Amino acid sequence: VQKVDALHTADRNRAFDLTQCVVADVTNAAAYIVRAILQIRSAASACPEPKACAINIMNIISSFAWISQFTSLAVSDCWDKGSQKALCAADISDMVAAVTNGPAAGIATTSDCADMPDPLEEEKHLPMD
């Protein structure tokens, strides 16, 4: 009975890993690739403006770090044996993304949270459609 329970638990855990692989990891990596492309386009037009340029560059770096994180998680979740090194890479990538995204968000709040924000200034650090 214990062996059967252990097999059911292992099957359930593997199904969860595969779901994570497809639904979360691969989907998020693809979404951040698109996001990075839009941010690069936005940065190209906003870089004469120092504040908007800084926000965009930090957002681009964080997007590439999150691409790295979700790709690393996919390596671990999609492979039936997992990968401790991929999990480590995911943690480091997440830290890089957070460290670069935090200041970008902080700088952006100076215009986004203003009582009377300048719509043109806000558009300079948003991804382009």
Foldseek 3Di string as FASTA:
>chain_A
DVVVVVVVVLVVLLVVLVCCLPVPLVVLLVVLVVVLVLLVVLLVVQVVPPLLNLLSVLQNLLSVLQNLLSVLSNQQSVDSVGDPVSNVSNVVSNVSNCVSNVVSVVSLCVQVVDPDHDVVVNSSNHGDD
